Amino acid sequence: MPHMLILGQGYTASRLAVRLREEGWHVTGVRRTADAEALAFDDEDAVRAAIAQASHILSSVPPEGDADPVLSRYGAAIAAAPAIWTGYLSSTGVYGDAAGAWVDEATPLRQGRRAARAQADADWSALRPDVRRFRLPGIYGPGRSVLDRVREGRAHRIDLPDQVFSRAHVDDIGAGIVASIHQGPPGIYNLSDDLPCAQNRLIEAACALLGQPLPPLLTLEEAQLTPMARSFYAENRRVANGRAKRLLGWSPRYPTYRQGLRACL
């Protein structure tokens, strides 16, 4: 039975764990605090034992400060592990602002505000020859989409008509990870949908699906966004997914937000 060790069972990795278990995998999770399905990150004996036993290892833990906590504590153990496949969930934020242009896996990284993420991405690449780095755009899915923000009155339409974003449905990300287990070489894969577009298009689609009125169109200043939300608008790029399609035989089940949002309902 294949054994997947997932370090950092957040939203995306938890959906993946459910899928793998349904397909007959043994899955060991690692979270900050132990529960019925996961070990505690600080339980070094148990985590190191899982690293030594797993056939597949995936980390979805982002950097903390300037360091990747998984690499800091368990990097040497993962490097020496007998696993046949290793993966790391990175971010398309490592490409920085492209002024709306397309980026792909060969695009040079821009350090900027994502310097720690770019360094972690590079460090995972150097850790083992079998590492797959999945660079992910904005992630949405059931319980975590613009539909929820519209329902709760938290959706903002921002008057930046040339601002473009890429995104991916959480289950398309899981499908891309699984596809890489079965075919395709190690390396970098952008897992994004086929239609980069303005965030306002999603809000308008969600309002139409829910029968809700459109929120007003605001400037960035009028919207009074949190620093994290405001930073979302500091970068403008389109993410190409052709490499994953060619080498993994993957294609998104939800190629645009239209199919993805309907599925979230």
C-alpha atoms as a PDB file:
ATOM      1  CA  MET A   1       0.000   0.000   0.000  1.00  0.00           C
ATOM      2  CA  PRO A   2       1.467   3.406  -0.913  1.00  0.00           C
ATOM      3  CA  HIS A   3       2.029   5.669   2.082  1.00  0.00           C
ATOM      4  CA  MET A   4       1.771   9.454   1.716  1.00  0.00           C
ATOM      5  CA  LEU A   5       3.187  11.666   4.459  1.00  0.00           C
ATOM      6  CA  ILE A   6       1.684  15.161   4.302  1.00  0.00           C
ATOM      7  CA  LEU A   7       3.428  17.834   6.342  1.00  0.00           C
ATOM      8  CA  GLY A   8       0.982  20.679   6.857  1.00  0.00           C
ATOM      9  CA  GLN A   9      -2.612  19.556   6.408  1.00  0.00           C
ATOM     10  CA  GLY A  10      -4.292  22.797   5.500  1.00  0.00           C
ATOM     11  CA  TYR A  11      -7.202  23.267   3.115  1.00  0.00           C
ATOM     12  CA  THR A  12      -5.581  21.909  -0.047  1.00  0.00           C
ATOM     13  CA  ALA A  13      -3.620  19.082   1.556  1.00  0.00           C
ATOM     14  CA  SER A  14      -6.630  17.926   3.571  1.00  0.00           C
ATOM     15  CA  ARG A  15      -8.715  17.610   0.394  1.00  0.00           C
ATOM     16  CA  LEU A  16      -5.874  15.647  -1.166  1.00  0.00           C
ATOM     17  CA  ALA A  17      -5.674  13.350   1.873  1.00  0.00           C
ATOM     18  CA  VAL A  18      -9.368  12.504   1.559  1.00  0.00           C
ATOM     19  CA  ARG A  19      -8.917  11.651  -2.108  1.00  0.00           C
ATOM     20  CA  LEU A  20      -5.883   9.458  -1.488  1.00  0.00           C
ATOM     21  CA  ARG A  21      -7.563   7.547   1.318  1.00  0.00           C
ATOM     22  CA  GLU A  22     -10.561   6.911  -0.930  1.00  0.00           C
ATOM     23  CA  GLU A  23      -8.118   5.491  -3.491  1.00  0.00           C
ATOM     24  CA  GLY A  24      -6.632   3.078  -0.968  1.00  0.00           C
ATOM     25  CA  TRP A  25      -3.597   5.014   0.241  1.00  0.00           C
ATOM     26  CA  HIS A  26      -2.308   5.093   3.781  1.00  0.00           C
ATOM     27  CA  VAL A  27      -1.972   8.793   4.640  1.00  0.00           C
ATOM     28  CA  THR A  28      -0.116  10.230   7.624  1.00  0.00           C
ATOM     29  CA  GLY A  29      -0.721  13.898   8.288  1.00  0.00           C
ATOM     30  CA  VAL A  30       1.312  16.359  10.319  1.00  0.00           C
ATOM     31  CA  ARG A  31      -0.208  19.461  11.896  1.00  0.00           C
ATOM     32  CA  ARG A  32       0.807  21.881  14.615  1.00  0.00           C
ATOM     33  CA  THR A  33      -1.333  19.917  17.067  1.00  0.00           C
ATOM     34  CA  ALA A  34      -1.972  16.179  16.951  1.00  0.00           C
ATOM     35  CA  ASP A  35      -5.482  14.875  16.308  1.00  0.00           C
ATOM     36  CA  ALA A  36      -7.128  11.654  15.151  1.00  0.00           C
ATOM     37  CA  GLU A  37      -5.666  12.032  11.645  1.00  0.00           C
ATOM     38  CA  ALA A  38      -2.362  13.797  12.209  1.00  0.00           C
ATOM     39  CA  LEU A  39       0.837  13.835  14.207  1.00  0.00           C
ATOM     40  CA  ALA A  40       2.066  16.946  15.981  1.00  0.00           C
ATOM     41  CA  PHE A  41       4.817  18.801  14.110  1.00  0.00           C
ATOM     42  CA  ASP A  42       6.896  18.998  17.301  1.00  0.00           C
ATOM     43  CA  ASP A  43       6.688  15.231  17.939  1.00  0.00           C
ATOM     44  CA  GLU A  44      10.087  14.624  16.376  1.00  0.00           C
ATOM     45  CA  ASP A  45      10.316  10.895  17.053  1.00  0.00           C
ATOM     46  CA  ALA A  46       6.941  10.203  15.435  1.00  0.00           C
ATOM     47  CA  VAL A  47       7.530  12.536  12.480  1.00  0.00           C
ATOM     48  CA  ARG A  48      11.000  11.159  11.782  1.00  0.00           C
ATOM     49  CA  ALA A  49       9.613   7.621  11.924  1.00  0.00           C
ATOM     50  CA  ALA A  50       6.903   8.595   9.419  1.00  0.00           C
ATOM     51  CA  ILE A  51       9.520  10.179   7.127  1.00  0.00           C
ATOM     52  CA  ALA A  52      11.495   6.930   7.180  1.00  0.00           C
ATOM     53  CA  GLN A  53       8.401   4.818   6.398  1.00  0.00           C
ATOM     54  CA  ALA A  54       6.615   6.917   3.752  1.00  0.00           C
ATOM     55  CA  SER A  55       6.769   6.047   0.067  1.00  0.00           C
ATOM     56  CA  HIS A  56       5.678   9.601  -0.845  1.00  0.00           C
ATOM     57  CA  ILE A  57       6.299  12.878   1.031  1.00  0.00           C
ATOM     58  CA  LEU A  58       4.502  16.184   0.455  1.00  0.00           C
ATOM     59  CA  SER A  59       5.010  19.475   2.279  1.00  0.00           C
ATOM     60  CA  SER A  60       2.437  22.241   2.124  1.00  0.00           C
ATOM     61  CA  VAL A  61       3.987  24.288   4.932  1.00  0.00           C
ATOM     62  CA  PRO A  62       4.804  27.891   3.951  1.00  0.00           C
ATOM     63  CA  PRO A  63       7.860  29.728   5.256  1.00  0.00           C
ATOM     64  CA  GLU A  64       7.721  31.306   8.687  1.00  0.00           C
ATOM     65  CA  GLY A  65       9.755  34.482   8.752  1.00  0.00           C
ATOM     66  CA  ASP A  66      12.824  33.831   6.641  1.00  0.00           C
ATOM     67  CA  ALA A  67      12.892  30.040   6.998  1.00  0.00           C
ATOM     68  CA  ASP A  68      10.994  26.947   5.942  1.00  0.00           C
ATOM     69  CA  PRO A  69      10.164  25.182   9.245  1.00  0.00           C
ATOM     70  CA  VAL A  70       9.982  21.744   7.608  1.00  0.00           C
ATOM     71  CA  LEU A  71      13.430  22.080   6.067  1.00  0.00           C
ATOM     72  CA  SER A  72      14.868  23.606   9.236  1.00  0.00           C
ATOM     73  CA  ARG A  73      13.767  20.703  11.421  1.00  0.00           C
ATOM     74  CA  TYR A  74      13.354  17.728   9.096  1.00  0.00           C
ATOM     75  CA  GLY A  75      15.230  18.613   5.895  1.00  0.00           C
ATOM     76  CA  ALA A  76      18.132  16.235   6.501  1.00  0.00           C
ATOM     77  CA  ALA A  77      15.766  13.376   7.322  1.00  0.00           C
ATOM     78  CA  ILE A  78      13.694  13.990   4.184  1.00  0.00           C
ATOM     79  CA  ALA A  79      16.852  14.198   2.051  1.00  0.00           C
ATOM     80  CA  ALA A  80      17.919  10.761   3.318  1.00  0.00           C
ATOM     81  CA  ALA A  81      14.449   9.175   3.253  1.00  0.00           C
ATOM     82  CA  PRO A  82      13.745   6.103   1.071  1.00  0.00           C
ATOM     83  CA  ALA A  83      10.626   7.738  -0.454  1.00  0.00           C
ATOM     84  CA  ILE A  84      10.204   7.420  -4.222  1.00  0.00           C
ATOM     85  CA  TRP A  85       8.397  10.762  -4.691  1.00  0.00           C
ATOM     86  CA  THR A  86       8.648  14.137  -2.956  1.00  0.00           C
ATOM     87  CA  GLY A  87       6.508  17.211  -3.477  1.00  0.00           C
ATOM     88  CA  TYR A  88       6.338  20.805  -2.254  1.00  0.00           C
ATOM     89  CA  LEU A  89       3.397  23.189  -2.565  1.00  0.00           C
ATOM     90  CA  SER A  90       4.880  26.534  -3.546  1.00  0.00           C
ATOM     91  CA  SER A  91       3.198  29.698  -4.833  1.00  0.00           C
ATOM     92  CA  THR A  92       3.003  31.539  -8.129  1.00  0.00           C
ATOM     93  CA  GLY A  93       3.753  34.579  -5.968  1.00  0.00           C
ATOM     94  CA  VAL A  94       7.434  33.749  -6.529  1.00  0.00           C
ATOM     95  CA  TYR A  95       7.062  35.216 -10.039  1.00  0.00           C
ATOM     96  CA  GLY A  96       6.241  38.635  -8.597  1.00  0.00           C
ATOM     97  CA  ASP A  97       4.550  41.348 -10.604  1.00  0.00           C
ATOM     98  CA  ALA A  98       4.597  40.710 -14.358  1.00  0.00           C
ATOM     99  CA  ALA A  99       2.454  43.746 -15.271  1.00  0.00           C
ATOM    100  CA  GLY A 100      -0.244  41.400 -16.559  1.00  0.00           C
ATOM    101  CA  ALA A 101       2.070  39.331 -18.775  1.00  0.00           C
ATOM    102  CA  TRP A 102       2.134  35.541 -18.899  1.00  0.00           C
ATOM    103  CA  VAL A 103       4.568  33.665 -16.667  1.00  0.00           C
ATOM    104  CA  ASP A 104       5.613  30.034 -16.921  1.00  0.00           C
ATOM    105  CA  GLU A 105       8.028  27.734 -15.123  1.00  0.00           C
ATOM    106  CA  ALA A 106      11.015  29.264 -16.945  1.00  0.00           C
ATOM    107  CA  THR A 107      10.185  32.816 -15.833  1.00  0.00           C
ATOM    108  CA  PRO A 108      12.918  34.232 -13.552  1.00  0.00           C
ATOM    109  CA  LEU A 109      11.784  34.627  -9.968  1.00  0.00           C
ATOM    110  CA  ARG A 110      11.442  38.057  -8.405  1.00  0.00           C
ATOM    111  CA  GLN A 111      12.430  38.179  -4.765  1.00  0.00           C
ATOM    112  CA  GLY A 112      10.399  41.193  -3.590  1.00  0.00           C
ATOM    113  CA  ARG A 113       7.850  40.507  -0.867  1.00  0.00           C
ATOM    114  CA  ARG A 114       8.022  36.751  -1.541  1.00  0.00           C
ATOM    115  CA  ALA A 115      11.762  36.364  -0.944  1.00  0.00           C
ATOM    116  CA  ALA A 116      11.294  33.699   1.742  1.00  0.00           C
ATOM    117  CA  ARG A 117       8.917  31.704  -0.461  1.00  0.00           C
ATOM    118  CA  ALA A 118      11.301  31.912  -3.430  1.00  0.00           C
ATOM    119  CA  GLN A 119      14.170  30.732  -1.212  1.00  0.00           C
ATOM    120  CA  ALA A 120      12.113  27.824   0.143  1.00  0.00           C
ATOM    121  CA  ASP A 121      11.153  26.889  -3.415  1.00  0.00           C
ATOM    122  CA  ALA A 122      14.856  26.790  -4.377  1.00  0.00           C
ATOM    123  CA  ASP A 123      15.853  24.921  -1.215  1.00  0.00           C
ATOM    124  CA  TRP A 124      13.293  22.177  -1.874  1.00  0.00           C
ATOM    125  CA  SER A 125      14.627  21.840  -5.399  1.00  0.00           C
ATOM    126  CA  ALA A 126      18.131  21.279  -4.031  1.00  0.00           C
ATOM    127  CA  LEU A 127      17.010  18.830  -1.345  1.00  0.00           C
ATOM    128  CA  ARG A 128      16.453  15.744  -3.514  1.00  0.00           C
ATOM    129  CA  PRO A 129      16.515  14.889  -7.229  1.00  0.00           C
ATOM    130  CA  ASP A 130      12.894  13.643  -7.180  1.00  0.00           C
ATOM    131  CA  VAL A 131      11.223  16.852  -5.908  1.00  0.00           C
ATOM    132  CA  ARG A 132       8.155  18.194  -7.684  1.00  0.00           C
ATOM    133  CA  ARG A 133       7.422  21.834  -6.924  1.00  0.00           C
ATOM    134  CA  PHE A 134       3.815  22.812  -7.532  1.00  0.00           C
ATOM    135  CA  ARG A 135       3.429  26.577  -7.890  1.00  0.00           C
ATOM    136  CA  LEU A 136      -0.144  27.427  -6.973  1.00  0.00           C
ATOM    137  CA  PRO A 137      -2.165  30.588  -7.698  1.00  0.00           C
ATOM    138  CA  GLY A 138      -5.236  31.711  -5.753  1.00  0.00           C
ATOM    139  CA  ILE A 139      -6.945  28.580  -4.393  1.00  0.00           C
ATOM    140  CA  TYR A 140     -10.704  28.268  -4.115  1.00  0.00           C
ATOM    141  CA  GLY A 141     -13.186  25.474  -3.535  1.00  0.00           C
ATOM    142  CA  PRO A 142     -16.104  24.392  -1.349  1.00  0.00           C
ATOM    143  CA  GLY A 143     -16.332  26.576   1.741  1.00  0.00           C
ATOM    144  CA  ARG A 144     -13.537  28.853   0.532  1.00  0.00           C
ATOM    145  CA  SER A 145     -14.567  30.891  -2.480  1.00  0.00           C
ATOM    146  CA  VAL A 146     -15.966  34.228  -3.553  1.00  0.00           C
ATOM    147  CA  LEU A 147     -19.422  32.713  -3.043  1.00  0.00           C
ATOM    148  CA  ASP A 148     -18.794  32.679   0.697  1.00  0.00           C
ATOM    149  CA  ARG A 149     -17.542  36.256   0.692  1.00  0.00           C
ATOM    150  CA  VAL A 150     -20.600  37.446  -1.244  1.00  0.00           C
ATOM    151  CA  ARG A 151     -22.948  35.616   1.148  1.00  0.00           C
ATOM    152  CA  GLU A 152     -21.208  37.190   4.134  1.00  0.00           C
ATOM    153  CA  GLY A 153     -21.081  40.687   2.658  1.00  0.00           C
ATOM    154  CA  ARG A 154     -17.263  40.665   2.516  1.00  0.00           C
ATOM    155  CA  ALA A 155     -16.804  40.825  -1.260  1.00  0.00           C
ATOM    156  CA  HIS A 156     -15.230  43.973  -2.735  1.00  0.00           C
ATOM    157  CA  ARG A 157     -15.203  45.094  -6.334  1.00  0.00           C
ATOM    158  CA  ILE A 158     -12.026  47.136  -6.849  1.00  0.00           C
ATOM    159  CA  ASP A 159     -11.756  49.634  -9.692  1.00  0.00           C
ATOM    160  CA  LEU A 160      -8.602  48.199 -11.273  1.00  0.00           C
ATOM    161  CA  PRO A 161      -9.818  47.020 -14.694  1.00  0.00           C
ATOM    162  CA  ASP A 162      -6.380  45.902 -15.917  1.00  0.00           C
ATOM    163  CA  GLN A 163      -5.568  43.822 -12.827  1.00  0.00           C
ATOM    164  CA  VAL A 164      -5.529  40.115 -13.711  1.00  0.00           C
ATOM    165  CA  PHE A 165      -5.181  37.058 -11.498  1.00  0.00           C
ATOM    166  CA  SER A 166      -4.905  33.309 -11.970  1.00  0.00           C
ATOM    167  CA  ARG A 167      -6.596  30.770  -9.741  1.00  0.00           C
ATOM    168  CA  ALA A 168      -7.255  27.045  -9.405  1.00  0.00           C
ATOM    169  CA  HIS A 169      -9.983  24.891  -7.916  1.00  0.00           C
ATOM    170  CA  VAL A 170      -8.627  22.934  -4.964  1.00  0.00           C
ATOM    171  CA  ASP A 171      -9.580  19.590  -6.504  1.00  0.00           C
ATOM    172  CA  ASP A 172      -7.749  20.420  -9.741  1.00  0.00           C
ATOM    173  CA  ILE A 173      -4.641  20.989  -7.647  1.00  0.00           C
ATOM    174  CA  GLY A 174      -5.102  17.597  -6.013  1.00  0.00           C
ATOM    175  CA  ALA A 175      -5.568  15.997  -9.432  1.00  0.00           C
ATOM    176  CA  GLY A 176      -2.324  17.584 -10.648  1.00  0.00           C
ATOM    177  CA  ILE A 177      -0.409  16.256  -7.659  1.00  0.00           C
ATOM    178  CA  VAL A 178      -1.805  12.748  -8.189  1.00  0.00           C
ATOM    179  CA  ALA A 179      -1.013  12.937 -11.905  1.00  0.00           C
ATOM    180  CA  SER A 180       2.622  13.710 -11.091  1.00  0.00           C
ATOM    181  CA  ILE A 181       2.833  10.533  -9.023  1.00  0.00           C
ATOM    182  CA  HIS A 182       1.983   8.451 -12.072  1.00  0.00           C
ATOM    183  CA  GLN A 183       3.903  10.264 -14.813  1.00  0.00           C
ATOM    184  CA  GLY A 184       6.106  13.237 -15.585  1.00  0.00           C
ATOM    185  CA  PRO A 185       9.614  14.125 -14.429  1.00  0.00           C
ATOM    186  CA  PRO A 186      10.588  15.982 -11.267  1.00  0.00           C
ATOM    187  CA  GLY A 187      10.634  19.752 -11.568  1.00  0.00           C
ATOM    188  CA  ILE A 188       8.269  22.712 -11.478  1.00  0.00           C
ATOM    189  CA  TYR A 189       4.585  22.658 -12.387  1.00  0.00           C
ATOM    190  CA  ASN A 190       2.159  25.568 -12.421  1.00  0.00           C
ATOM    191  CA  LEU A 191      -1.288  24.231 -11.520  1.00  0.00           C
ATOM    192  CA  SER A 192      -3.689  26.973 -12.584  1.00  0.00           C
ATOM    193  CA  ASP A 193      -6.903  27.168 -14.536  1.00  0.00           C
ATOM    194  CA  ASP A 194      -7.158  28.290 -18.169  1.00  0.00           C
ATOM    195  CA  LEU A 195      -8.688  31.745 -17.689  1.00  0.00           C
ATOM    196  CA  PRO A 196      -6.738  34.417 -15.818  1.00  0.00           C
ATOM    197  CA  CYS A 197      -9.050  37.376 -15.297  1.00  0.00           C
ATOM    198  CA  ALA A 198      -9.980  40.269 -13.051  1.00  0.00           C
ATOM    199  CA  GLN A 199     -11.256  39.413  -9.585  1.00  0.00           C
ATOM    200  CA  ASN A 200     -14.367  41.482 -10.313  1.00  0.00           C
ATOM    201  CA  ARG A 201     -15.483  38.876 -12.874  1.00  0.00           C
ATOM    202  CA  LEU A 202     -15.668  36.277 -10.102  1.00  0.00           C
ATOM    203  CA  ILE A 203     -17.647  38.568  -7.839  1.00  0.00           C
ATOM    204  CA  GLU A 204     -20.097  39.349 -10.625  1.00  0.00           C
ATOM    205  CA  ALA A 205     -20.500  35.635 -11.409  1.00  0.00           C
ATOM    206  CA  ALA A 206     -21.015  34.773  -7.742  1.00  0.00           C
ATOM    207  CA  CYS A 207     -23.640  37.480  -7.332  1.00  0.00           C
ATOM    208  CA  ALA A 208     -25.471  36.161 -10.386  1.00  0.00           C
ATOM    209  CA  LEU A 209     -25.391  32.579  -9.077  1.00  0.00           C
ATOM    210  CA  LEU A 210     -26.659  33.662  -5.656  1.00  0.00           C
ATOM    211  CA  GLY A 211     -29.166  36.250  -6.871  1.00  0.00           C
ATOM    212  CA  GLN A 212     -27.360  38.951  -4.882  1.00  0.00           C
ATOM    213  CA  PRO A 213     -26.816  42.586  -5.879  1.00  0.00           C
ATOM    214  CA  LEU A 214     -23.353  43.640  -6.961  1.00  0.00           C
ATOM    215  CA  PRO A 215     -21.248  45.342  -4.291  1.00  0.00           C
ATOM    216  CA  PRO A 216     -20.237  48.899  -5.211  1.00  0.00           C
ATOM    217  CA  LEU A 217     -17.126  49.559  -7.289  1.00  0.00           C
ATOM    218  CA  LEU A 218     -14.493  51.044  -4.983  1.00  0.00           C
ATOM    219  CA  THR A 219     -10.968  52.379  -5.230  1.00  0.00           C
ATOM    220  CA  LEU A 220      -8.303  50.561  -3.257  1.00  0.00           C
ATOM    221  CA  GLU A 221      -8.351  53.364  -0.706  1.00  0.00           C
ATOM    222  CA  GLU A 222     -12.128  53.291  -0.321  1.00  0.00           C
ATOM    223  CA  ALA A 223     -12.159  49.522   0.172  1.00  0.00           C
ATOM    224  CA  GLN A 224     -10.008  49.815   3.340  1.00  0.00           C
ATOM    225  CA  LEU A 225      -8.559  46.353   2.831  1.00  0.00           C
ATOM    226  CA  THR A 226      -6.300  44.613   5.312  1.00  0.00           C
ATOM    227  CA  PRO A 227      -2.590  44.752   4.452  1.00  0.00           C
ATOM    228  CA  MET A 228      -2.725  41.100   3.350  1.00  0.00           C
ATOM    229  CA  ALA A 229      -5.761  41.672   1.135  1.00  0.00           C
ATOM    230  CA  ARG A 230      -4.237  44.848  -0.282  1.00  0.00           C
ATOM    231  CA  SER A 231      -1.016  43.004  -1.144  1.00  0.00           C
ATOM    232  CA  PHE A 232      -3.134  40.741  -3.345  1.00  0.00           C
ATOM    233  CA  TYR A 233      -3.539  43.716  -5.694  1.00  0.00           C
ATOM    234  CA  ALA A 234       0.171  44.601  -5.733  1.00  0.00           C
ATOM    235  CA  GLU A 235       0.908  41.953  -8.372  1.00  0.00           C
ATOM    236  CA  ASN A 236      -0.547  41.419 -11.836  1.00  0.00           C
ATOM    237  CA  ARG A 237       0.203  38.311 -13.916  1.00  0.00           C
ATOM    238  CA  ARG A 238      -1.234  35.479 -15.981  1.00  0.00           C
ATOM    239  CA  VAL A 239      -0.017  31.985 -15.068  1.00  0.00           C
ATOM    240  CA  ALA A 240       0.517  29.449 -17.888  1.00  0.00           C
ATOM    241  CA  ASN A 241      -0.239  25.782 -17.161  1.00  0.00           C
ATOM    242  CA  GLY A 242       0.989  24.166 -20.394  1.00  0.00           C
ATOM    243  CA  ARG A 243       3.878  22.251 -18.833  1.00  0.00           C
ATOM    244  CA  ALA A 244       1.620  20.353 -16.444  1.00  0.00           C
ATOM    245  CA  LYS A 245      -0.727  19.533 -19.309  1.00  0.00           C
ATOM    246  CA  ARG A 246       2.080  18.251 -21.524  1.00  0.00           C
ATOM    247  CA  LEU A 247       4.131  16.301 -19.021  1.00  0.00           C
ATOM    248  CA  LEU A 248       1.579  15.139 -16.466  1.00  0.00           C
ATOM    249  CA  GLY A 249      -1.333  14.468 -18.784  1.00  0.00           C
ATOM    250  CA  TRP A 250      -3.327  16.780 -16.491  1.00  0.00           C
ATOM    251  CA  SER A 251      -5.998  19.272 -17.398  1.00  0.00           C
ATOM    252  CA  PRO A 252      -8.272  21.166 -15.029  1.00  0.00           C
ATOM    253  CA  ARG A 253     -11.740  19.745 -14.524  1.00  0.00           C
ATOM    254  CA  TYR A 254     -12.761  23.348 -13.859  1.00  0.00           C
ATOM    255  CA  PRO A 255     -10.938  25.242 -16.628  1.00  0.00           C
ATOM    256  CA  THR A 256     -12.543  28.571 -15.692  1.00  0.00           C
ATOM    257  CA  TYR A 257     -14.098  30.111 -12.618  1.00  0.00           C
ATOM    258  CA  ARG A 258     -17.528  29.636 -14.181  1.00  0.00           C
ATOM    259  CA  GLN A 259     -17.431  25.842 -13.889  1.00  0.00           C
ATOM    260  CA  GLY A 260     -15.594  26.010 -10.582  1.00  0.00           C
ATOM    261  CA  LEU A 261     -18.064  28.315  -8.861  1.00  0.00           C
ATOM    262  CA  ARG A 262     -21.043  26.295 -10.047  1.00  0.00           C
ATOM    263  CA  ALA A 263     -19.390  23.202  -8.558  1.00  0.00           C
ATOM    264  CA  CYS A 264     -18.888  25.040  -5.262  1.00  0.00           C
ATOM    265  CA  LEU A 265     -22.628  25.598  -4.986  1.00  0.00           C
END
